[in-house]
Amino acid sequence: MIKYEFNRNEFEWAEEFYDIIQKKMNLPDWFGKNADALWDMLTGHIETPCEITLTGFNKEEINKYNKLIIDRILFCFEEAEREFPDEFKIIMK
């Protein structure tokens, strides 16, 4: 099983999270860096099964925009686990 780890302390601004996801998951240069593109990558590009560990994402965000973007990303991960439980395991720390 492939394991990916993301820590909220790795970035300040939500948009940076997409860059980190792209790098760690080895997504292509044409990755669109939005929730729809992330969903497409999760459900058709990355190798599965995989385990995604998310650490520190329960902290209060610096503004509503940051919270909105991060929540959308986390929703993609959680929805992938709900729809494909044999392919995705999400661990929140």
PDB file of N, CA and C in Angstrom:
ATOM      1  N   MET A   1       0.835  -1.178   0.000  1.00  0.00           N
ATOM      2  CA  MET A   1       0.000   0.000   0.000  1.00  0.00           C
ATOM      3  C   MET A   1       0.884   1.247   0.000  1.00  0.00           C
ATOM      4  N   ILE A   2       0.584   2.162  -0.891  1.00  0.00           N
ATOM      5  CA  ILE A   2       1.310   3.424  -0.976  1.00  0.00           C
ATOM      6  C   ILE A   2       0.827   4.346   0.134  1.00  0.00           C
ATOM      7  N   LYS A   3       1.773   5.055   0.773  1.00  0.00           N
ATOM      8  CA  LYS A   3       1.412   5.949   1.871  1.00  0.00           C
ATOM      9  C   LYS A   3       1.831   7.381   1.536  1.00  0.00           C
ATOM     10  N   TYR A   4       0.909   8.295   1.783  1.00  0.00           N
ATOM     11  CA  TYR A   4       1.159   9.726   1.611  1.00  0.00           C
ATOM     12  C   TYR A   4       0.900  10.400   2.949  1.00  0.00           C
ATOM     13  N   GLU A   5       1.768  11.344   3.291  1.00  0.00           N
ATOM     14  CA  GLU A   5       1.601  12.078   4.545  1.00  0.00           C
ATOM     15  C   GLU A   5       1.608  13.566   4.255  1.00  0.00           C
ATOM     16  N   PHE A   6       0.612  14.243   4.811  1.00  0.00           N
ATOM     17  CA  PHE A   6       0.499  15.697   4.676  1.00  0.00           C
ATOM     18  C   PHE A   6       0.333  16.284   6.061  1.00  0.00           C
ATOM     19  N   ASN A   7       1.102  17.340   6.330  1.00  0.00           N
ATOM     20  CA  ASN A   7       1.074  18.000   7.625  1.00  0.00           C
ATOM     21  C   ASN A   7       0.690  19.458   7.414  1.00  0.00           C
ATOM     22  N   ARG A   8      -0.252  19.941   8.200  1.00  0.00           N
ATOM     23  CA  ARG A   8      -0.716  21.324   8.046  1.00  0.00           C
ATOM     24  C   ARG A   8       0.411  22.325   8.268  1.00  0.00           C
ATOM     25  N   ASN A   9       1.435  21.962   8.986  1.00  0.00           N
ATOM     26  CA  ASN A   9       2.561  22.865   9.224  1.00  0.00           C
ATOM     27  C   ASN A   9       3.472  23.026   8.014  1.00  0.00           C
ATOM     28  N   GLU A  10       3.225  22.275   6.934  1.00  0.00           N
ATOM     29  CA  GLU A  10       4.061  22.352   5.738  1.00  0.00           C
ATOM     30  C   GLU A  10       3.782  23.594   4.885  1.00  0.00           C
ATOM     31  N   PHE A  11       2.695  24.281   5.141  1.00  0.00           N
ATOM     32  CA  PHE A  11       2.346  25.428   4.301  1.00  0.00           C
ATOM     33  C   PHE A  11       1.565  26.457   5.104  1.00  0.00           C
ATOM     34  N   GLU A  12       1.588  27.699   4.615  1.00  0.00           N
ATOM     35  CA  GLU A  12       0.829  28.775   5.256  1.00  0.00           C
ATOM     36  C   GLU A  12      -0.483  29.018   4.523  1.00  0.00           C
ATOM     37  N   TRP A  13      -0.407  29.135   3.188  1.00  0.00           N
ATOM     38  CA  TRP A  13      -1.576  29.462   2.381  1.00  0.00           C
ATOM     39  C   TRP A  13      -2.127  28.212   1.720  1.00  0.00           C
ATOM     40  N   ALA A  14      -3.438  28.128   1.657  1.00  0.00           N
ATOM     41  CA  ALA A  14      -4.126  26.935   1.165  1.00  0.00           C
ATOM     42  C   ALA A  14      -3.685  26.526  -0.228  1.00  0.00           C
ATOM     43  N   GLU A  15      -3.443  27.485  -1.115  1.00  0.00           N
ATOM     44  CA  GLU A  15      -3.042  27.153  -2.478  1.00  0.00           C
ATOM     45  C   GLU A  15      -1.732  26.372  -2.508  1.00  0.00           C
ATOM     46  N   GLU A  16      -0.891  26.599  -1.518  1.00  0.00           N
ATOM     47  CA  GLU A  16       0.373  25.866  -1.428  1.00  0.00           C
ATOM     48  C   GLU A  16       0.137  24.370  -1.193  1.00  0.00           C
ATOM     49  N   PHE A  17      -0.978  24.045  -0.590  1.00  0.00           N
ATOM     50  CA  PHE A  17      -1.309  22.646  -0.322  1.00  0.00           C
ATOM     51  C   PHE A  17      -1.406  21.868  -1.634  1.00  0.00           C
ATOM     52  N   TYR A  18      -1.983  22.484  -2.658  1.00  0.00           N
ATOM     53  CA  TYR A  18      -2.051  21.816  -3.964  1.00  0.00           C
ATOM     54  C   TYR A  18      -0.655  21.518  -4.509  1.00  0.00           C
ATOM     55  N   ASP A  19       0.284  22.449  -4.322  1.00  0.00           N
ATOM     56  CA  ASP A  19       1.662  22.219  -4.785  1.00  0.00           C
ATOM     57  C   ASP A  19       2.282  21.025  -4.058  1.00  0.00           C
ATOM     58  N   ILE A  20       2.033  20.940  -2.765  1.00  0.00           N
ATOM     59  CA  ILE A  20       2.572  19.842  -1.964  1.00  0.00           C
ATOM     60  C   ILE A  20       1.947  18.517  -2.389  1.00  0.00           C
ATOM     61  N   ILE A  21       0.639  18.527  -2.594  1.00  0.00           N
ATOM     62  CA  ILE A  21      -0.048  17.318  -3.060  1.00  0.00           C
ATOM     63  C   ILE A  21       0.527  16.874  -4.403  1.00  0.00           C
ATOM     64  N   GLN A  22       0.696  17.824  -5.302  1.00  0.00           N
ATOM     65  CA  GLN A  22       1.225  17.511  -6.630  1.00  0.00           C
ATOM     66  C   GLN A  22       2.599  16.862  -6.528  1.00  0.00           C
ATOM     67  N   LYS A  23       3.444  17.426  -5.692  1.00  0.00           N
ATOM     68  CA  LYS A  23       4.807  16.904  -5.563  1.00  0.00           C
ATOM     69  C   LYS A  23       4.813  15.514  -4.896  1.00  0.00           C
ATOM     70  N   LYS A  24       4.136  15.393  -3.772  1.00  0.00           N
ATOM     71  CA  LYS A  24       4.185  14.133  -3.022  1.00  0.00           C
ATOM     72  C   LYS A  24       3.483  12.987  -3.743  1.00  0.00           C
ATOM     73  N   MET A  25       2.418  13.308  -4.477  1.00  0.00           N
ATOM     74  CA  MET A  25       1.679  12.260  -5.182  1.00  0.00           C
ATOM     75  C   MET A  25       2.158  12.091  -6.616  1.00  0.00           C
ATOM     76  N   ASN A  26       3.195  12.843  -6.960  1.00  0.00           N
ATOM     77  CA  ASN A  26       3.789  12.763  -8.291  1.00  0.00           C
ATOM     78  C   ASN A  26       2.735  12.974  -9.390  1.00  0.00           C
ATOM     79  N   LEU A  27       1.960  14.047  -9.231  1.00  0.00           N
ATOM     80  CA  LEU A  27       0.931  14.372 -10.213  1.00  0.00           C
ATOM     81  C   LEU A  27       1.553  15.104 -11.396  1.00  0.00           C
ATOM     82  N   PRO A  28       0.952  15.010 -12.550  1.00  0.00           N
ATOM     83  CA  PRO A  28       1.535  15.615 -13.756  1.00  0.00           C
ATOM     84  C   PRO A  28       1.537  17.148 -13.705  1.00  0.00           C
ATOM     85  N   ASP A  29       2.375  17.745 -14.550  1.00  0.00           N
ATOM     86  CA  ASP A  29       2.471  19.209 -14.619  1.00  0.00           C
ATOM     87  C   ASP A  29       1.137  19.847 -14.959  1.00  0.00           C
ATOM     88  N   TRP A  30       0.296  19.136 -15.687  1.00  0.00           N
ATOM     89  CA  TRP A  30      -0.979  19.698 -16.107  1.00  0.00           C
ATOM     90  C   TRP A  30      -2.075  19.567 -15.055  1.00  0.00           C
ATOM     91  N   PHE A  31      -1.730  19.114 -13.856  1.00  0.00           N
ATOM     92  CA  PHE A  31      -2.685  19.050 -12.743  1.00  0.00           C
ATOM     93  C   PHE A  31      -3.252  20.445 -12.505  1.00  0.00           C
ATOM     94  N   GLY A  32      -4.562  20.562 -12.468  1.00  0.00           N
ATOM     95  CA  GLY A  32      -5.238  21.855 -12.429  1.00  0.00           C
ATOM     96  C   GLY A  32      -5.253  22.591 -11.107  1.00  0.00           C
ATOM     97  N   LYS A  33      -4.818  21.986 -10.031  1.00  0.00           N
ATOM     98  CA  LYS A  33      -4.745  22.614  -8.713  1.00  0.00           C
ATOM     99  C   LYS A  33      -6.081  23.222  -8.284  1.00  0.00           C
ATOM    100  N   ASN A  34      -7.112  22.396  -8.346  1.00  0.00           N
ATOM    101  CA  ASN A  34      -8.419  22.738  -7.803  1.00  0.00           C
ATOM    102  C   ASN A  34      -9.074  21.424  -7.372  1.00  0.00           C
ATOM    103  N   ALA A  35     -10.189  21.526  -6.676  1.00  0.00           N
ATOM    104  CA  ALA A  35     -10.819  20.336  -6.107  1.00  0.00           C
ATOM    105  C   ALA A  35     -11.272  19.345  -7.184  1.00  0.00           C
ATOM    106  N   ASP A  36     -11.812  19.846  -8.290  1.00  0.00           N
ATOM    107  CA  ASP A  36     -12.246  18.938  -9.362  1.00  0.00           C
ATOM    108  C   ASP A  36     -11.061  18.188  -9.960  1.00  0.00           C
ATOM    109  N   ALA A  37      -9.966  18.895 -10.176  1.00  0.00           N
ATOM    110  CA  ALA A  37      -8.770  18.254 -10.731  1.00  0.00           C
ATOM    111  C   ALA A  37      -8.188  17.245  -9.740  1.00  0.00           C
ATOM    112  N   LEU A  38      -8.223  17.588  -8.458  1.00  0.00           N
ATOM    113  CA  LEU A  38      -7.729  16.654  -7.445  1.00  0.00           C
ATOM    114  C   LEU A  38      -8.573  15.380  -7.456  1.00  0.00           C
ATOM    115  N   TRP A  39      -9.884  15.522  -7.535  1.00  0.00           N
ATOM    116  CA  TRP A  39     -10.758  14.359  -7.594  1.00  0.00           C
ATOM    117  C   TRP A  39     -10.403  13.474  -8.791  1.00  0.00           C
ATOM    118  N   ASP A  40     -10.195  14.108  -9.924  1.00  0.00           N
ATOM    119  CA  ASP A  40      -9.825  13.359 -11.130  1.00  0.00           C
ATOM    120  C   ASP A  40      -8.520  12.596 -10.931  1.00  0.00           C
ATOM    121  N   MET A  41      -7.551  13.222 -10.276  1.00  0.00           N
ATOM    122  CA  MET A  41      -6.271  12.557 -10.027  1.00  0.00           C
ATOM    123  C   MET A  41      -6.446  11.395  -9.057  1.00  0.00           C
ATOM    124  N   LEU A  42      -7.237  11.599  -8.014  1.00  0.00           N
ATOM    125  CA  LEU A  42      -7.440  10.546  -7.023  1.00  0.00           C
ATOM    126  C   LEU A  42      -8.149   9.342  -7.627  1.00  0.00           C
ATOM    127  N   THR A  43      -9.105   9.593  -8.491  1.00  0.00           N
ATOM    128  CA  THR A  43      -9.942   8.506  -8.995  1.00  0.00           C
ATOM    129  C   THR A  43      -9.503   7.967 -10.349  1.00  0.00           C
ATOM    130  N   GLY A  44      -8.416   8.505 -10.902  1.00  0.00           N
ATOM    131  CA  GLY A  44      -8.028   7.983 -12.195  1.00  0.00           C
ATOM    132  C   GLY A  44      -6.553   8.075 -12.531  1.00  0.00           C
ATOM    133  N   HIS A  45      -5.763   8.629 -11.632  1.00  0.00           N
ATOM    134  CA  HIS A  45      -4.354   8.815 -11.987  1.00  0.00           C
ATOM    135  C   HIS A  45      -3.395   8.150 -10.997  1.00  0.00           C
ATOM    136  N   ILE A  46      -3.653   8.325  -9.708  1.00  0.00           N
ATOM    137  CA  ILE A  46      -2.689   7.782  -8.745  1.00  0.00           C
ATOM    138  C   ILE A  46      -2.873   6.277  -8.579  1.00  0.00           C
ATOM    139  N   GLU A  47      -1.794   5.654  -8.148  1.00  0.00           N
ATOM    140  CA  GLU A  47      -1.834   4.220  -7.896  1.00  0.00           C
ATOM    141  C   GLU A  47      -2.518   3.974  -6.553  1.00  0.00           C
ATOM    142  N   THR A  48      -3.398   3.006  -6.533  1.00  0.00           N
ATOM    143  CA  THR A  48      -4.075   2.627  -5.303  1.00  0.00           C
ATOM    144  C   THR A  48      -3.913   1.125  -5.113  1.00  0.00           C
ATOM    145  N   PRO A  49      -4.104   0.602  -3.940  1.00  0.00           N
ATOM    146  CA  PRO A  49      -4.623   1.256  -2.754  1.00  0.00           C
ATOM    147  C   PRO A  49      -3.578   2.165  -2.111  1.00  0.00           C
ATOM    148  N   CYS A  50      -4.103   3.163  -1.391  1.00  0.00           N
ATOM    149  CA  CYS A  50      -3.196   4.083  -0.720  1.00  0.00           C
ATOM    150  C   CYS A  50      -3.769   4.521   0.621  1.00  0.00           C
ATOM    151  N   GLU A  51      -2.866   4.976   1.451  1.00  0.00           N
ATOM    152  CA  GLU A  51      -3.210   5.495   2.766  1.00  0.00           C
ATOM    153  C   GLU A  51      -2.758   6.944   2.794  1.00  0.00           C
ATOM    154  N   ILE A  52      -3.655   7.832   3.185  1.00  0.00           N
ATOM    155  CA  ILE A  52      -3.346   9.261   3.235  1.00  0.00           C
ATOM    156  C   ILE A  52      -3.482   9.718   4.680  1.00  0.00           C
ATOM    157  N   THR A  53      -2.367  10.149   5.269  1.00  0.00           N
ATOM    158  CA  THR A  53      -2.362  10.633   6.642  1.00  0.00           C
ATOM    159  C   THR A  53      -2.350  12.155   6.618  1.00  0.00           C
ATOM    160  N   LEU A  54      -3.287  12.737   7.335  1.00  0.00           N
ATOM    161  CA  LEU A  54      -3.440  14.193   7.409  1.00  0.00           C
ATOM    162  C   LEU A  54      -3.250  14.616   8.859  1.00  0.00           C
ATOM    163  N   THR A  55      -2.171  15.341   9.116  1.00  0.00           N
ATOM    164  CA  THR A  55      -1.824  15.720  10.481  1.00  0.00           C
ATOM    165  C   THR A  55      -1.983  17.226  10.677  1.00  0.00           C
ATOM    166  N   GLY A  56      -2.651  17.609  11.765  1.00  0.00           N
ATOM    167  CA  GLY A  56      -2.735  19.011  12.157  1.00  0.00           C
ATOM    168  C   GLY A  56      -3.772  19.842  11.419  1.00  0.00           C
ATOM    169  N   PHE A  57      -4.684  19.204  10.728  1.00  0.00           N
ATOM    170  CA  PHE A  57      -5.669  19.952   9.955  1.00  0.00           C
ATOM    171  C   PHE A  57      -6.879  20.375  10.783  1.00  0.00           C
ATOM    172  N   ASN A  58      -6.808  20.205  12.088  1.00  0.00           N
ATOM    173  CA  ASN A  58      -7.888  20.644  12.962  1.00  0.00           C
ATOM    174  C   ASN A  58      -7.616  22.020  13.564  1.00  0.00           C
ATOM    175  N   LYS A  59      -6.511  22.636  13.196  1.00  0.00           N
ATOM    176  CA  LYS A  59      -6.193  23.947  13.746  1.00  0.00           C
ATOM    177  C   LYS A  59      -7.046  25.028  13.080  1.00  0.00           C
ATOM    178  N   GLU A  60      -7.212  26.123  13.783  1.00  0.00           N
ATOM    179  CA  GLU A  60      -7.992  27.237  13.256  1.00  0.00           C
ATOM    180  C   GLU A  60      -7.225  27.903  12.114  1.00  0.00           C
ATOM    181  N   GLU A  61      -7.926  28.189  11.040  1.00  0.00           N
ATOM    182  CA  GLU A  61      -7.285  28.796   9.871  1.00  0.00           C
ATOM    183  C   GLU A  61      -7.189  30.311  10.019  1.00  0.00           C
ATOM    184  N   ILE A  62      -6.251  30.908   9.260  1.00  0.00           N
ATOM    185  CA  ILE A  62      -5.984  32.338   9.384  1.00  0.00           C
ATOM    186  C   ILE A  62      -7.084  33.197   8.766  1.00  0.00           C
ATOM    187  N   ASN A  63      -7.849  32.621   7.857  1.00  0.00           N
ATOM    188  CA  ASN A  63      -8.976  33.356   7.278  1.00  0.00           C
ATOM    189  C   ASN A  63      -9.978  32.379   6.669  1.00  0.00           C
ATOM    190  N   LYS A  64     -11.148  32.892   6.319  1.00  0.00           N
ATOM    191  CA  LYS A  64     -12.225  32.040   5.794  1.00  0.00           C
ATOM    192  C   LYS A  64     -11.860  31.428   4.447  1.00  0.00           C
ATOM    193  N   TYR A  65     -11.132  32.177   3.624  1.00  0.00           N
ATOM    194  CA  TYR A  65     -10.745  31.652   2.310  1.00  0.00           C
ATOM    195  C   TYR A  65      -9.838  30.433   2.463  1.00  0.00           C
ATOM    196  N   ASN A  66      -8.842  30.538   3.332  1.00  0.00           N
ATOM    197  CA  ASN A  66      -7.942  29.409   3.581  1.00  0.00           C
ATOM    198  C   ASN A  66      -8.741  28.192   4.037  1.00  0.00           C
ATOM    199  N   LYS A  67      -9.661  28.414   4.961  1.00  0.00           N
ATOM    200  CA  LYS A  67     -10.486  27.314   5.467  1.00  0.00           C
ATOM    201  C   LYS A  67     -11.305  26.689   4.348  1.00  0.00           C
ATOM    202  N   LEU A  68     -11.887  27.490   3.493  1.00  0.00           N
ATOM    203  CA  LEU A  68     -12.707  26.983   2.397  1.00  0.00           C
ATOM    204  C   LEU A  68     -11.901  26.080   1.468  1.00  0.00           C
ATOM    205  N   ILE A  69     -10.725  26.524   1.060  1.00  0.00           N
ATOM    206  CA  ILE A  69      -9.891  25.753   0.132  1.00  0.00           C
ATOM    207  C   ILE A  69      -9.417  24.456   0.787  1.00  0.00           C
ATOM    208  N   ILE A  70      -8.947  24.538   2.014  1.00  0.00           N
ATOM    209  CA  ILE A  70      -8.466  23.335   2.703  1.00  0.00           C
ATOM    210  C   ILE A  70      -9.614  22.357   2.921  1.00  0.00           C
ATOM    211  N   ASP A  71     -10.778  22.867   3.296  1.00  0.00           N
ATOM    212  CA  ASP A  71     -11.937  21.980   3.484  1.00  0.00           C
ATOM    213  C   ASP A  71     -12.309  21.264   2.190  1.00  0.00           C
ATOM    214  N   ARG A  72     -12.212  21.935   1.072  1.00  0.00           N
ATOM    215  CA  ARG A  72     -12.513  21.303  -0.220  1.00  0.00           C
ATOM    216  C   ARG A  72     -11.528  20.175  -0.523  1.00  0.00           C
ATOM    217  N   ILE A  73     -10.263  20.411  -0.222  1.00  0.00           N
ATOM    218  CA  ILE A  73      -9.244  19.386  -0.450  1.00  0.00           C
ATOM    219  C   ILE A  73      -9.499  18.180   0.452  1.00  0.00           C
ATOM    220  N   LEU A  74      -9.734  18.453   1.730  1.00  0.00           N
ATOM    221  CA  LEU A  74      -9.990  17.358   2.666  1.00  0.00           C
ATOM    222  C   LEU A  74     -11.244  16.587   2.277  1.00  0.00           C
ATOM    223  N   PHE A  75     -12.261  17.297   1.780  1.00  0.00           N
ATOM    224  CA  PHE A  75     -13.479  16.632   1.333  1.00  0.00           C
ATOM    225  C   PHE A  75     -13.177  15.659   0.190  1.00  0.00           C
ATOM    226  N   CYS A  76     -12.307  16.044  -0.727  1.00  0.00           N
ATOM    227  CA  CYS A  76     -11.935  15.149  -1.831  1.00  0.00           C
ATOM    228  C   CYS A  76     -11.330  13.856  -1.298  1.00  0.00           C
ATOM    229  N   PHE A  77     -10.405  13.987  -0.352  1.00  0.00           N
ATOM    230  CA  PHE A  77      -9.789  12.795   0.229  1.00  0.00           C
ATOM    231  C   PHE A  77     -10.845  11.932   0.934  1.00  0.00           C
ATOM    232  N   GLU A  78     -11.682  12.573   1.755  1.00  0.00           N
ATOM    233  CA  GLU A  78     -12.692  11.837   2.509  1.00  0.00           C
ATOM    234  C   GLU A  78     -13.732  11.195   1.589  1.00  0.00           C
ATOM    235  N   GLU A  79     -14.125  11.896   0.540  1.00  0.00           N
ATOM    236  CA  GLU A  79     -15.099  11.356  -0.406  1.00  0.00           C
ATOM    237  C   GLU A  79     -14.519  10.164  -1.170  1.00  0.00           C
ATOM    238  N   ALA A  80     -13.234  10.238  -1.495  1.00  0.00           N
ATOM    239  CA  ALA A  80     -12.578   9.095  -2.166  1.00  0.00           C
ATOM    240  C   ALA A  80     -12.633   7.867  -1.259  1.00  0.00           C
ATOM    241  N   GLU A  81     -12.398   8.060   0.024  1.00  0.00           N
ATOM    242  CA  GLU A  81     -12.463   6.937   0.964  1.00  0.00           C
ATOM    243  C   GLU A  81     -13.889   6.395   1.064  1.00  0.00           C
ATOM    244  N   ARG A  82     -14.887   7.272   1.094  1.00  0.00           N
ATOM    245  CA  ARG A  82     -16.282   6.822   1.176  1.00  0.00           C
ATOM    246  C   ARG A  82     -16.706   6.050  -0.073  1.00  0.00           C
ATOM    247  N   GLU A  83     -16.326   6.554  -1.230  1.00  0.00           N
ATOM    248  CA  GLU A  83     -16.752   5.927  -2.481  1.00  0.00           C
ATOM    249  C   GLU A  83     -15.929   4.704  -2.862  1.00  0.00           C
ATOM    250  N   PHE A  84     -14.659   4.693  -2.444  1.00  0.00           N
ATOM    251  CA  PHE A  84     -13.755   3.598  -2.806  1.00  0.00           C
ATOM    252  C   PHE A  84     -13.021   3.086  -1.561  1.00  0.00           C
ATOM    253  N   PRO A  85     -13.749   2.490  -0.615  1.00  0.00           N
ATOM    254  CA  PRO A  85     -13.129   2.095   0.657  1.00  0.00           C
ATOM    255  C   PRO A  85     -12.022   1.055   0.534  1.00  0.00           C
ATOM    256  N   ASP A  86     -12.002   0.309  -0.542  1.00  0.00           N
ATOM    257  CA  ASP A  86     -10.930  -0.668  -0.733  1.00  0.00           C
ATOM    258  C   ASP A  86      -9.668  -0.036  -1.311  1.00  0.00           C
ATOM    259  N   GLU A  87      -9.783   1.178  -1.814  1.00  0.00           N
ATOM    260  CA  GLU A  87      -8.670   1.845  -2.482  1.00  0.00           C
ATOM    261  C   GLU A  87      -8.034   2.959  -1.646  1.00  0.00           C
ATOM    262  N   PHE A  88      -8.810   3.561  -0.735  1.00  0.00           N
ATOM    263  CA  PHE A  88      -8.328   4.708   0.047  1.00  0.00           C
ATOM    264  C   PHE A  88      -8.571   4.505   1.525  1.00  0.00           C
ATOM    265  N   LYS A  89      -7.554   4.857   2.301  1.00  0.00           N
ATOM    266  CA  LYS A  89      -7.681   4.900   3.754  1.00  0.00           C
ATOM    267  C   LYS A  89      -7.178   6.269   4.196  1.00  0.00           C
ATOM    268  N   ILE A  90      -8.043   7.026   4.869  1.00  0.00           N
ATOM    269  CA  ILE A  90      -7.680   8.365   5.324  1.00  0.00           C
ATOM    270  C   ILE A  90      -7.499   8.317   6.828  1.00  0.00           C
ATOM    271  N   ILE A  91      -6.378   8.837   7.297  1.00  0.00           N
ATOM    272  CA  ILE A  91      -6.091   8.903   8.732  1.00  0.00           C
ATOM    273  C   ILE A  91      -5.932  10.366   9.101  1.00  0.00           C
ATOM    274  N   MET A  92      -6.769  10.819  10.030  1.00  0.00           N
ATOM    275  CA  MET A  92      -6.679  12.207  10.526  1.00  0.00           C
ATOM    276  C   MET A  92      -6.019  12.175  11.888  1.00  0.00           C
ATOM    277  N   LYS A  93      -4.946  12.938  12.033  1.00  0.00           N
ATOM    278  CA  LYS A  93      -4.243  13.025  13.331  1.00  0.00           C
ATOM    279  C   LYS A  93      -4.339  14.437  13.872  1.00  0.00           C
TER     280      LYS A  93
END
